[in-house]
Amino acid sequence: MQKGMRLNDGHITYLAVLAKKDAARRGFLSKKSSDNTKWHSKWFALLQNMLFYFESDSSSRPSGLYLLEGCVCDRSPSPKPSAKECLEKQYYFTVTFNHDNQKALELRTEDVKDCDEWVAAITQASYRNLATEHETLMQKYLHLIQIVETEKTVAKQLRQQIEDGEIEIERLKSEIGGLLKDNEKIQSNPEVPPSDDDTEIKKIKKVQSFLRGWICRRKWKTIIQDYIRSPHAESMRKRNQVVFSMLEAEAEYVQQLHILVNNFLRPLRMAASSKKPPITHDDVSSIFLNSETIMFLHQIFYQGLKARIASWPTLVLADLFDILLPMLNIYQEFVRNHQYSLQILAHCKQNRDFDKLLKQYEAKPDCEERTLETFLTYPMFQIPRYILTLHELLAHTPHEHVERNSLDYAKSKLEELSRIMHDEVSETENIRKNLAIERMIVEGCEVLLDTSQTFVRQGDKNHLVVLANSASHDKSSIKHLLLNPITERSGVSHRLHPDGGARGHR
């Protein structure tokens, strides 16, 4: 038989005294009795994740203690007052514990502000929240320590350079003083013609000066060439190339989002508001979802990248990713909706007016013969692109670099988000391929607009593209169709574009 847990009464009393002095929240509350029949007024004190209650505010020993770790505190509706209860308005809230066989704590106050403050204080009374905040502050503290150490190293180098400069200045001062003394001697004895020895000495000095300059330049050139050929310099060059390539890719991606929003989203919104709309506002929202928000986010990120490039060769990118990471969860919503958006688009294309309007938008020069499905697919590959870029950056970033840990943390967060998104991508690829095949058929093919069709394979004119209905496995219901330049199915002819290969479905 399991024994009951023993608590140190003196320790609990000490904590109760601390709670009365340093409590985050204290005051009188009405507590419902264990038999759910009566309400008793008690004096409560909240200390960290412990809630003490006393018979009165002058009591030295607590009447009870509740551990609030993991609890849920919410406002609860007021029950109907009985004839015996006071008619004054009461405000109720409940503390629900996650422990087994632990009854919920029901409390009430006479002031709505007091009730809200108690609910907020109990909700925040969690050691886990303090531990999370402590971990975040420690990461920032370690990052600042790395920056301080880097600054100390740079300051030490600058001090050494200043000391070397002062030594060189003293040497030049002494040399200038000697030359001034020689000049004074020459001016004090103008009648004495220079001897042959003085002329030879001047020539020797000129040769020595030339040799010293040549040796200094040669030594400096050797130092520069050794650094240029060093692995560190090569790594920094490759790192800069990765950053420049990232800037170009980000500019291209922002342009793609700009075309998606300005050439498709906003015109279709206006079309949905016309007298005879070819598409509804709900369908526009389902197809594009948060594309405009994604565009605004990456425009800000792109401007930040341009500002970093302007400060070259000092390229600091970690803070940009720190700003970007918390906002990338919108991609998860976009990926989750992507399959549904393609289904809605396939359904809307069955409307001739919408299909005609969509082809007009896709024929614009900015689209470069790319379809709306292509532009809707671009955001699906942006997170993997960032992961590859961070892999390359880390491969060419020294381990003692100040940004190493921050970039590694950003990569791990992006990989975690990519794993979540990956499971929702494969099915959207199938719909996109079916739509591409449907576009090759001049008169269209409603069978390929059925989103339950599964793309299997595609070949040239001597092979067969098989589309299997994923919802049916009855072999007796499978039909084969070989689509040549002119094909027939149920008496209906489908003409393929000249550049289309053999097509088929079952």
Protein backbone atom coordinates (compact mmCIF):
# COMPACT_ATOMS: atom_id res chain seq x y z
CA MET A 1 0.00 0.00 0.00
CA GLN A 2 1.38 3.36 -1.05
CA LYS A 3 2.11 5.72 1.83
CA GLY A 4 0.96 9.31 1.85
CA MET A 5 3.46 12.07 0.98
CA ARG A 6 4.83 13.98 3.96
CA LEU A 7 5.30 17.72 3.87
CA ASN A 8 7.55 19.72 6.16
CA ASP A 9 5.12 21.81 8.16
CA GLY A 10 7.77 24.34 9.11
CA HIS A 11 8.79 24.79 5.47
CA ILE A 12 5.16 25.31 4.38
CA THR A 13 4.69 27.86 7.18
CA TYR A 14 7.82 29.73 6.08
CA LEU A 15 6.58 29.85 2.48
CA ALA A 16 3.20 31.07 3.71
CA VAL A 17 4.89 33.96 5.56
CA LEU A 18 6.80 34.84 2.39
CA ALA A 19 3.54 34.70 0.43
CA LYS A 20 1.91 37.20 2.78
CA LYS A 21 4.84 39.61 2.36
CA ASP A 22 5.94 39.16 -1.27
CA ALA A 23 2.85 37.69 -2.94
CA ALA A 24 2.22 38.61 -6.57
CA ARG A 25 -1.46 38.81 -5.72
CA ARG A 26 -3.36 38.70 -2.40
CA GLY A 27 -6.81 39.47 -1.09
CA PHE A 28 -10.15 38.05 0.02
CA LEU A 29 -11.95 35.55 -2.24
CA SER A 30 -15.00 33.38 -1.73
CA LYS A 31 -14.18 29.68 -1.99
CA LYS A 32 -16.74 26.99 -2.63
CA SER A 33 -16.83 24.23 -0.01
CA SER A 34 -15.93 20.63 -0.80
CA ASP A 35 -19.57 19.53 -0.72
CA ASN A 36 -20.50 22.27 -3.25
CA THR A 37 -23.14 23.74 -0.97
CA LYS A 38 -21.66 26.83 0.65
CA TRP A 39 -19.23 29.65 -0.10
CA HIS A 40 -16.63 30.66 2.51
CA SER A 41 -14.62 33.88 2.52
CA LYS A 42 -10.87 33.20 2.72
CA TRP A 43 -7.77 35.36 2.45
CA PHE A 44 -5.61 34.17 -0.50
CA ALA A 45 -1.95 34.88 -1.32
CA LEU A 46 -0.24 33.88 -4.59
CA LEU A 47 3.54 33.19 -4.41
CA GLN A 48 5.13 31.96 -7.65
CA ASN A 49 3.14 28.77 -8.51
CA MET A 50 1.69 28.25 -5.00
CA LEU A 51 -1.69 29.57 -3.87
CA PHE A 52 -2.11 29.78 -0.05
CA TYR A 53 -5.35 30.57 1.70
CA PHE A 54 -5.89 31.71 5.30
CA GLU A 55 -8.91 32.13 7.52
CA SER A 56 -8.18 35.88 7.60
CA ASP A 57 -5.44 38.34 6.66
CA SER A 58 -4.17 38.23 10.26
CA SER A 59 -3.77 34.44 10.41
CA SER A 60 -0.18 33.28 10.84
CA ARG A 61 -0.69 29.73 9.58
CA PRO A 62 -2.28 28.85 6.23
CA SER A 63 -5.46 26.79 6.06
CA GLY A 64 -4.46 25.20 2.73
CA LEU A 65 -2.17 25.25 -0.27
CA TYR A 66 -2.71 24.66 -4.00
CA LEU A 67 0.11 23.93 -6.48
CA LEU A 68 -0.75 25.74 -9.72
CA GLU A 69 1.86 24.26 -12.09
CA GLY A 70 0.09 23.18 -15.28
CA CYS A 71 -3.33 24.39 -14.18
CA VAL A 72 -5.90 26.24 -16.34
CA CYS A 73 -7.72 29.30 -14.98
CA ASP A 74 -10.79 30.66 -16.79
CA ARG A 75 -13.77 32.86 -16.10
CA SER A 76 -16.96 30.88 -15.53
CA PRO A 77 -20.58 31.96 -15.89
CA SER A 78 -22.50 33.02 -12.80
CA PRO A 79 -24.98 30.40 -11.55
CA LYS A 80 -28.59 31.33 -10.93
CA PRO A 81 -28.84 32.80 -7.40
CA SER A 82 -31.04 30.98 -4.91
CA ALA A 83 -33.37 32.61 -2.44
CA LYS A 84 -30.86 32.33 0.39
CA GLU A 85 -27.91 33.87 -1.53
CA CYS A 86 -27.09 37.54 -1.66
CA LEU A 87 -28.57 39.48 -4.56
CA GLU A 88 -25.34 41.38 -5.18
CA LYS A 89 -23.62 40.55 -8.45
CA GLN A 90 -20.75 38.04 -8.17
CA TYR A 91 -17.97 37.18 -10.63
CA TYR A 92 -16.79 33.56 -10.78
CA PHE A 93 -13.66 31.85 -12.05
CA THR A 94 -12.43 28.28 -11.88
CA VAL A 95 -8.92 26.77 -11.49
CA THR A 96 -8.74 23.34 -13.18
CA PHE A 97 -5.81 21.08 -12.25
CA ASN A 98 -4.23 18.46 -14.52
CA HIS A 99 -3.70 16.05 -11.64
CA ASP A 100 -5.75 12.86 -11.46
CA ASN A 101 -8.70 12.94 -9.08
CA GLN A 102 -8.08 16.62 -8.33
CA LYS A 103 -11.27 18.61 -7.94
CA ALA A 104 -11.46 22.01 -9.63
CA LEU A 105 -11.16 25.06 -7.37
CA GLU A 106 -14.15 27.41 -7.70
CA LEU A 107 -13.70 31.04 -6.58
CA ARG A 108 -15.62 34.26 -6.85
CA THR A 109 -15.20 38.00 -6.28
CA GLU A 110 -17.48 40.99 -6.11
CA ASP A 111 -15.49 43.13 -8.60
CA VAL A 112 -14.97 42.30 -12.29
CA LYS A 113 -11.56 43.99 -12.38
CA ASP A 114 -10.41 42.02 -9.34
CA CYS A 115 -11.66 38.81 -11.01
CA ASP A 116 -9.75 39.50 -14.24
CA GLU A 117 -6.56 40.33 -12.33
CA TRP A 118 -6.75 37.07 -10.33
CA VAL A 119 -7.32 35.04 -13.53
CA ALA A 120 -4.33 36.71 -15.22
CA ALA A 121 -2.06 36.24 -12.20
CA ILE A 122 -2.92 32.53 -11.78
CA THR A 123 -2.50 31.90 -15.53
CA GLN A 124 1.04 33.34 -15.43
CA ALA A 125 2.00 31.47 -12.23
CA SER A 126 4.07 28.77 -13.93
CA TYR A 127 7.65 27.67 -13.37
CA ARG A 128 7.77 26.45 -16.96
CA ASN A 129 7.19 29.99 -18.28
CA LEU A 130 10.01 31.32 -16.08
CA ALA A 131 12.33 28.54 -17.30
CA THR A 132 11.54 29.34 -20.95
CA GLU A 133 12.17 33.05 -20.40
CA HIS A 134 15.40 32.23 -18.57
CA GLU A 135 16.61 30.08 -21.48
CA THR A 136 15.83 32.88 -23.98
CA LEU A 137 17.70 35.43 -21.87
CA MET A 138 20.68 33.06 -21.55
CA GLN A 139 20.88 32.70 -25.34
CA LYS A 140 20.88 36.48 -25.74
CA TYR A 141 23.48 36.76 -22.97
CA LEU A 142 25.81 34.23 -24.67
CA HIS A 143 25.38 36.04 -27.98
CA LEU A 144 26.35 39.35 -26.34
CA ILE A 145 29.37 37.68 -24.71
CA GLN A 146 30.54 36.52 -28.15
CA ILE A 147 30.17 40.05 -29.48
CA VAL A 148 32.12 41.47 -26.53
CA GLU A 149 34.94 38.94 -27.01
CA THR A 150 35.14 39.83 -30.69
CA GLU A 151 35.28 43.53 -29.85
CA LYS A 152 38.04 42.87 -27.30
CA THR A 153 40.11 41.04 -29.93
CA VAL A 154 39.65 43.89 -32.41
CA ALA A 155 40.53 46.46 -29.73
CA LYS A 156 43.70 44.54 -28.85
CA GLN A 157 44.75 44.51 -32.50
CA LEU A 158 44.09 48.24 -32.80
CA ARG A 159 46.14 48.95 -29.67
CA GLN A 160 49.02 46.92 -31.10
CA GLN A 161 48.81 48.87 -34.36
CA ILE A 162 48.82 52.17 -32.43
CA GLU A 163 51.91 51.10 -30.44
CA ASP A 164 53.71 50.11 -33.65
CA GLY A 165 52.75 53.47 -35.15
CA GLU A 166 54.09 55.35 -32.13
CA ILE A 167 57.41 53.49 -32.35
CA GLU A 168 57.64 54.33 -36.04
CA ILE A 169 56.85 58.00 -35.30
CA GLU A 170 59.64 58.16 -32.70
CA ARG A 171 62.10 56.64 -35.16
CA LEU A 172 61.11 59.17 -37.84
CA LYS A 173 61.39 62.00 -35.32
CA SER A 174 64.94 60.98 -34.40
CA GLU A 175 65.85 60.67 -38.09
CA ILE A 176 64.39 64.11 -38.85
CA GLY A 177 66.28 65.57 -35.86
CA GLY A 178 69.54 64.17 -37.22
CA LEU A 179 68.83 65.62 -40.67
CA LEU A 180 68.06 69.03 -39.15
CA LYS A 181 71.35 68.99 -37.26
CA ASP A 182 73.25 68.14 -40.44
CA ASN A 183 71.43 70.96 -42.23
CA GLU A 184 72.39 73.42 -39.50
CA LYS A 185 76.04 72.41 -39.78
CA ILE A 186 75.96 72.92 -43.53
CA GLN A 187 74.36 76.35 -43.16
CA SER A 188 76.84 77.40 -40.45
CA ASN A 189 79.80 76.59 -42.75
CA PRO A 190 78.70 77.81 -46.21
CA GLU A 191 82.28 78.54 -47.37
CA VAL A 192 83.37 74.93 -46.97
CA PRO A 193 82.64 73.07 -50.23
CA PRO A 194 81.24 69.59 -49.89
CA SER A 195 83.91 66.98 -49.97
CA ASP A 196 83.92 63.90 -52.11
CA ASP A 197 83.22 61.81 -49.02
CA ASP A 198 79.97 63.73 -48.33
CA THR A 199 78.82 63.22 -51.91
CA GLU A 200 79.49 59.47 -51.72
CA ILE A 201 77.63 59.24 -48.39
CA LYS A 202 74.57 60.94 -49.93
CA LYS A 203 74.59 58.49 -52.80
CA ILE A 204 74.85 55.58 -50.37
CA LYS A 205 71.91 56.95 -48.37
CA LYS A 206 69.80 57.25 -51.51
CA VAL A 207 70.56 53.65 -52.45
CA GLN A 208 69.79 52.49 -48.90
CA SER A 209 66.48 54.40 -48.92
CA PHE A 210 65.54 52.83 -52.25
CA LEU A 211 66.40 49.35 -50.98
CA ARG A 212 64.44 49.82 -47.75
CA GLY A 213 61.36 50.90 -49.71
CA TRP A 214 61.72 47.97 -52.12
CA ILE A 215 62.12 45.44 -49.27
CA CYS A 216 59.10 46.90 -47.42
CA ARG A 217 56.89 46.76 -50.51
CA ARG A 218 58.02 43.22 -51.27
CA LYS A 219 57.31 42.07 -47.72
CA TRP A 220 53.87 43.68 -47.72
CA LYS A 221 53.08 42.12 -51.10
CA THR A 222 54.09 38.71 -49.75
CA ILE A 223 51.81 39.14 -46.72
CA ILE A 224 48.87 40.11 -48.93
CA GLN A 225 49.43 37.23 -51.34
CA ASP A 226 49.74 34.72 -48.50
CA TYR A 227 46.43 35.87 -47.07
CA ILE A 228 44.71 35.79 -50.47
CA ARG A 229 45.83 32.18 -50.92
CA SER A 230 44.90 31.23 -47.35
CA PRO A 231 41.90 28.94 -46.62
CA HIS A 232 40.27 31.66 -44.51
CA ALA A 233 40.26 34.17 -47.38
CA GLU A 234 38.93 31.52 -49.78
CA SER A 235 36.16 30.66 -47.30
CA MET A 236 35.20 34.32 -46.93
CA ARG A 237 35.07 34.75 -50.72
CA LYS A 238 32.75 31.77 -51.07
CA ARG A 239 30.63 33.03 -48.19
CA ASN A 240 30.24 36.42 -49.88
CA GLN A 241 29.28 34.68 -53.14
CA VAL A 242 26.58 32.75 -51.29
CA VAL A 243 25.20 35.99 -49.81
CA PHE A 244 25.21 37.72 -53.22
CA SER A 245 23.43 34.72 -54.79
CA MET A 246 20.91 34.79 -51.95
CA LEU A 247 20.19 38.47 -52.68
CA GLU A 248 19.60 37.71 -56.38
CA ALA A 249 17.33 34.75 -55.57
CA GLU A 250 15.36 36.84 -53.06
CA ALA A 251 14.90 39.61 -55.64
CA GLU A 252 13.59 37.08 -58.17
CA TYR A 253 11.23 35.55 -55.58
CA VAL A 254 9.84 38.98 -54.58
CA GLN A 255 9.24 39.69 -58.28
CA GLN A 256 7.34 36.38 -58.64
CA LEU A 257 5.15 37.24 -55.64
CA HIS A 258 4.59 40.71 -57.06
CA ILE A 259 3.32 39.19 -60.34
CA LEU A 260 1.09 36.74 -58.44
CA VAL A 261 -0.53 39.54 -56.44
CA ASN A 262 -0.75 42.29 -59.08
CA ASN A 263 -1.45 40.19 -62.20
CA PHE A 264 -3.83 37.65 -60.65
CA LEU A 265 -5.00 38.28 -57.06
CA ARG A 266 -6.00 41.94 -57.26
CA PRO A 267 -7.58 41.75 -60.77
CA LEU A 268 -9.61 38.69 -59.71
CA ARG A 269 -10.80 40.54 -56.59
CA MET A 270 -12.07 43.33 -58.83
CA ALA A 271 -13.69 40.81 -61.18
CA ALA A 272 -15.46 39.17 -58.23
CA SER A 273 -17.06 42.56 -57.43
CA SER A 274 -18.50 43.03 -60.94
CA LYS A 275 -22.17 42.62 -61.87
CA LYS A 276 -21.60 39.20 -63.44
CA PRO A 277 -18.63 37.86 -61.47
CA PRO A 278 -16.81 34.89 -63.04
CA ILE A 279 -15.55 33.95 -59.56
CA THR A 280 -16.65 34.58 -55.98
CA HIS A 281 -14.69 36.38 -53.28
CA ASP A 282 -14.58 33.16 -51.23
CA ASP A 283 -12.95 31.28 -54.12
CA VAL A 284 -10.39 34.08 -54.58
CA SER A 285 -9.52 33.88 -50.88
CA SER A 286 -9.28 30.07 -51.05
CA ILE A 287 -6.97 30.12 -54.10
CA PHE A 288 -4.57 32.85 -52.91
CA LEU A 289 -5.01 32.70 -49.10
CA ASN A 290 -2.18 34.76 -47.52
CA SER A 291 -0.11 35.35 -50.70
CA GLU A 292 -0.23 39.13 -50.22
CA THR A 293 1.05 38.83 -46.63
CA ILE A 294 3.92 36.61 -47.82
CA MET A 295 4.82 39.23 -50.45
CA PHE A 296 4.93 42.05 -47.84
CA LEU A 297 7.08 39.88 -45.53
CA HIS A 298 9.68 39.13 -48.20
CA GLN A 299 9.76 42.72 -49.44
CA ILE A 300 10.86 43.73 -45.92
CA PHE A 301 13.38 40.87 -45.79
CA TYR A 302 14.76 41.84 -49.22
CA GLN A 303 15.22 45.47 -48.18
CA GLY A 304 17.12 44.26 -45.09
CA LEU A 305 19.40 42.13 -47.31
CA LYS A 306 20.12 45.11 -49.56
CA ALA A 307 21.05 47.20 -46.53
CA ARG A 308 23.47 44.47 -45.37
CA ILE A 309 25.08 44.28 -48.82
CA ALA A 310 25.57 48.06 -48.73
CA SER A 311 27.78 47.62 -45.63
CA TRP A 312 30.05 45.08 -47.38
CA PRO A 313 32.58 43.59 -46.51
CA THR A 314 30.98 43.40 -43.02
CA LEU A 315 28.03 41.06 -43.69
CA VAL A 316 25.86 40.31 -40.63
CA LEU A 317 22.75 38.22 -41.44
CA ALA A 318 21.79 36.49 -38.17
CA ASP A 319 19.55 39.30 -36.94
CA LEU A 320 17.62 39.25 -40.24
CA PHE A 321 16.81 35.56 -39.77
CA ASP A 322 15.88 36.25 -36.13
CA ILE A 323 13.21 38.65 -37.44
CA LEU A 324 12.09 36.34 -40.26
CA LEU A 325 11.78 33.04 -38.35
CA PRO A 326 8.76 33.87 -36.12
CA MET A 327 6.80 34.96 -39.22
CA LEU A 328 7.45 31.90 -41.39
CA ASN A 329 4.57 29.98 -39.81
CA ILE A 330 2.33 31.60 -42.45
CA TYR A 331 4.01 29.22 -44.93
CA GLN A 332 2.63 26.25 -43.03
CA GLU A 333 -0.88 27.62 -43.53
CA PHE A 334 -0.15 28.25 -47.23
CA VAL A 335 1.15 24.68 -47.76
CA ARG A 336 -1.80 23.18 -45.92
CA ASN A 337 -4.15 25.12 -48.18
CA HIS A 338 -2.21 24.55 -51.42
CA GLN A 339 -3.96 21.33 -52.46
CA TYR A 340 -7.37 22.84 -51.73
CA SER A 341 -6.48 26.01 -53.67
CA LEU A 342 -5.61 23.93 -56.76
CA GLN A 343 -8.88 22.04 -56.40
CA ILE A 344 -10.82 25.31 -56.25
CA LEU A 345 -8.88 26.61 -59.26
CA ALA A 346 -9.66 23.44 -61.24
CA HIS A 347 -13.33 23.81 -60.34
CA CYS A 348 -13.40 27.50 -61.35
CA LYS A 349 -11.74 26.74 -64.71
CA GLN A 350 -14.84 24.80 -65.73
CA ASN A 351 -16.51 28.22 -65.98
CA ARG A 352 -15.75 29.46 -69.51
CA ASP A 353 -15.81 33.12 -68.53
CA PHE A 354 -13.29 32.54 -65.76
CA ASP A 355 -11.07 30.36 -67.98
CA LYS A 356 -11.06 33.04 -70.69
CA LEU A 357 -10.24 35.78 -68.16
CA LEU A 358 -7.46 33.68 -66.62
CA LYS A 359 -5.84 33.09 -70.01
CA GLN A 360 -5.84 36.87 -70.60
CA TYR A 361 -3.98 37.38 -67.32
CA GLU A 362 -1.49 34.59 -68.12
CA ALA A 363 -0.80 36.13 -71.55
CA LYS A 364 0.67 39.29 -70.01
CA PRO A 365 4.40 39.84 -70.76
CA ASP A 366 5.33 39.75 -67.06
CA CYS A 367 4.11 36.16 -66.73
CA GLU A 368 6.52 34.92 -69.46
CA GLU A 369 4.06 32.15 -70.49
CA ARG A 370 3.85 30.85 -66.92
CA THR A 371 0.50 29.73 -65.55
CA LEU A 372 -1.23 30.70 -62.32
CA GLU A 373 -0.52 27.20 -60.95
CA THR A 374 3.20 27.84 -61.45
CA PHE A 375 3.10 31.09 -59.46
CA LEU A 376 1.10 29.41 -56.68
CA THR A 377 3.80 26.73 -56.45
CA TYR A 378 6.77 29.12 -55.99
CA PRO A 379 6.22 29.69 -52.22
CA MET A 380 6.28 25.90 -51.71
CA PHE A 381 10.02 25.80 -52.46
CA GLN A 382 11.18 28.91 -50.58
CA ILE A 383 11.78 27.26 -47.20
CA PRO A 384 13.99 24.47 -48.72
CA ARG A 385 15.88 27.19 -50.63
CA TYR A 386 16.63 29.00 -47.37
CA ILE A 387 17.82 25.71 -45.80
CA LEU A 388 20.25 25.06 -48.70
CA THR A 389 21.52 28.64 -48.49
CA LEU A 390 22.16 28.33 -44.75
CA HIS A 391 23.94 24.99 -45.33
CA GLU A 392 26.30 26.73 -47.76
CA LEU A 393 26.78 29.70 -45.42
CA LEU A 394 27.65 27.44 -42.49
CA ALA A 395 30.03 25.42 -44.67
CA HIS A 396 32.04 28.60 -45.31
CA THR A 397 31.61 30.21 -41.86
CA PRO A 398 34.45 29.60 -39.34
CA HIS A 399 33.47 27.91 -36.08
CA GLU A 400 34.66 30.90 -34.06
CA HIS A 401 32.58 33.32 -36.16
CA VAL A 402 30.14 35.42 -34.12
CA GLU A 403 27.19 34.42 -36.34
CA ARG A 404 27.87 30.67 -36.33
CA ASN A 405 25.46 29.69 -33.54
CA SER A 406 22.69 32.02 -34.71
CA LEU A 407 22.81 30.69 -38.28
CA ASP A 408 22.88 27.10 -37.01
CA TYR A 409 19.81 27.81 -34.87
CA ALA A 410 17.99 29.39 -37.84
CA LYS A 411 18.81 26.32 -39.99
CA SER A 412 17.45 23.91 -37.38
CA LYS A 413 14.21 25.91 -37.07
CA LEU A 414 13.77 25.99 -40.86
CA GLU A 415 14.42 22.24 -41.14
CA GLU A 416 11.80 21.59 -38.46
CA LEU A 417 9.27 23.71 -40.36
CA SER A 418 10.22 22.00 -43.65
CA ARG A 419 9.56 18.55 -42.20
CA ILE A 420 6.07 19.63 -41.23
CA MET A 421 5.42 21.11 -44.68
CA HIS A 422 6.93 18.20 -46.64
CA ASP A 423 4.08 15.81 -45.87
CA GLU A 424 1.60 18.24 -47.43
CA VAL A 425 3.47 18.89 -50.72
CA SER A 426 3.42 15.58 -52.65
CA GLU A 427 -0.31 15.55 -53.25
CA THR A 428 -0.31 19.07 -54.70
CA GLU A 429 2.31 18.04 -57.29
CA ASN A 430 -0.11 15.45 -58.66
CA ILE A 431 -2.84 18.07 -59.23
CA ARG A 432 -0.38 20.46 -60.92
CA LYS A 433 0.77 17.78 -63.41
CA ASN A 434 -2.82 16.86 -64.26
CA LEU A 435 -3.62 20.52 -64.93
CA ALA A 436 -0.53 20.80 -67.16
CA ILE A 437 -1.71 17.80 -69.22
CA GLU A 438 -5.22 19.25 -69.44
CA ARG A 439 -3.80 22.47 -70.89
CA MET A 440 -2.14 20.49 -73.72
CA ILE A 441 -5.59 19.35 -74.93
CA VAL A 442 -7.03 22.04 -77.23
CA GLU A 443 -10.68 21.52 -76.31
CA GLY A 444 -9.97 20.64 -72.68
CA CYS A 445 -10.64 17.43 -70.79
CA GLU A 446 -12.99 17.41 -67.80
CA VAL A 447 -11.65 14.05 -66.63
CA LEU A 448 -8.26 15.62 -65.92
CA LEU A 449 -9.92 18.40 -63.89
CA ASP A 450 -11.10 15.75 -61.42
CA THR A 451 -8.75 16.19 -58.45
CA SER A 452 -9.11 12.53 -57.46
CA GLN A 453 -7.11 11.51 -60.58
CA THR A 454 -3.55 10.42 -59.77
CA PHE A 455 -0.64 11.07 -62.16
CA VAL A 456 1.45 7.89 -62.65
CA ARG A 457 3.91 8.45 -65.49
CA GLN A 458 4.45 10.30 -68.79
CA GLY A 459 6.38 9.34 -71.93
CA ASP A 460 6.82 10.23 -75.61
CA LYS A 461 4.44 9.36 -78.42
CA ASN A 462 5.42 5.69 -78.30
CA HIS A 463 4.50 5.34 -74.62
CA LEU A 464 1.43 5.79 -72.47
CA VAL A 465 0.71 8.21 -69.68
CA VAL A 466 -1.44 6.45 -67.13
CA LEU A 467 -3.70 8.32 -64.74
CA ALA A 468 -5.18 6.05 -62.05
CA ASN A 469 -8.19 7.02 -60.01
CA SER A 470 -6.86 6.83 -56.45
CA ALA A 471 -10.37 6.38 -55.06
CA SER A 472 -11.09 3.15 -57.00
CA HIS A 473 -9.20 -0.15 -57.26
CA ASP A 474 -11.83 -2.13 -59.24
CA LYS A 475 -9.99 -3.47 -62.29
CA SER A 476 -13.25 -4.00 -64.18
CA SER A 477 -13.91 -0.24 -64.12
CA ILE A 478 -10.49 0.73 -65.56
CA LYS A 479 -10.52 2.08 -69.14
CA HIS A 480 -7.47 2.69 -71.29
CA LEU A 481 -7.15 5.57 -73.71
CA LEU A 482 -4.20 6.34 -76.00
CA LEU A 483 -4.26 10.03 -76.97
CA ASN A 484 -2.74 10.58 -80.45
CA PRO A 485 -2.89 14.00 -82.20
CA ILE A 486 -6.65 13.26 -82.67
CA THR A 487 -8.20 10.92 -80.05
CA GLU A 488 -11.77 9.84 -79.36
CA ARG A 489 -13.52 8.93 -76.15
CA SER A 490 -17.28 8.28 -76.02
CA GLY A 491 -17.65 9.87 -79.44
CA VAL A 492 -15.84 13.09 -78.43
CA SER A 493 -12.57 14.12 -80.13
CA HIS A 494 -9.69 15.80 -78.20
CA ARG A 495 -7.02 17.63 -80.18
CA LEU A 496 -3.59 17.96 -78.60
CA HIS A 497 -1.21 20.86 -79.07
CA PRO A 498 1.50 20.08 -81.67
CA ASP A 499 4.22 19.96 -79.00
CA GLY A 500 2.28 17.59 -76.71
CA GLY A 501 3.45 13.99 -76.40
CA ALA A 502 1.32 10.93 -76.04
CA ARG A 503 -1.21 11.22 -73.23
CA GLY A 504 -3.39 8.68 -71.46
CA HIS A 505 -5.49 7.98 -68.39
CA ARG A 506 -7.34 5.16 -66.79
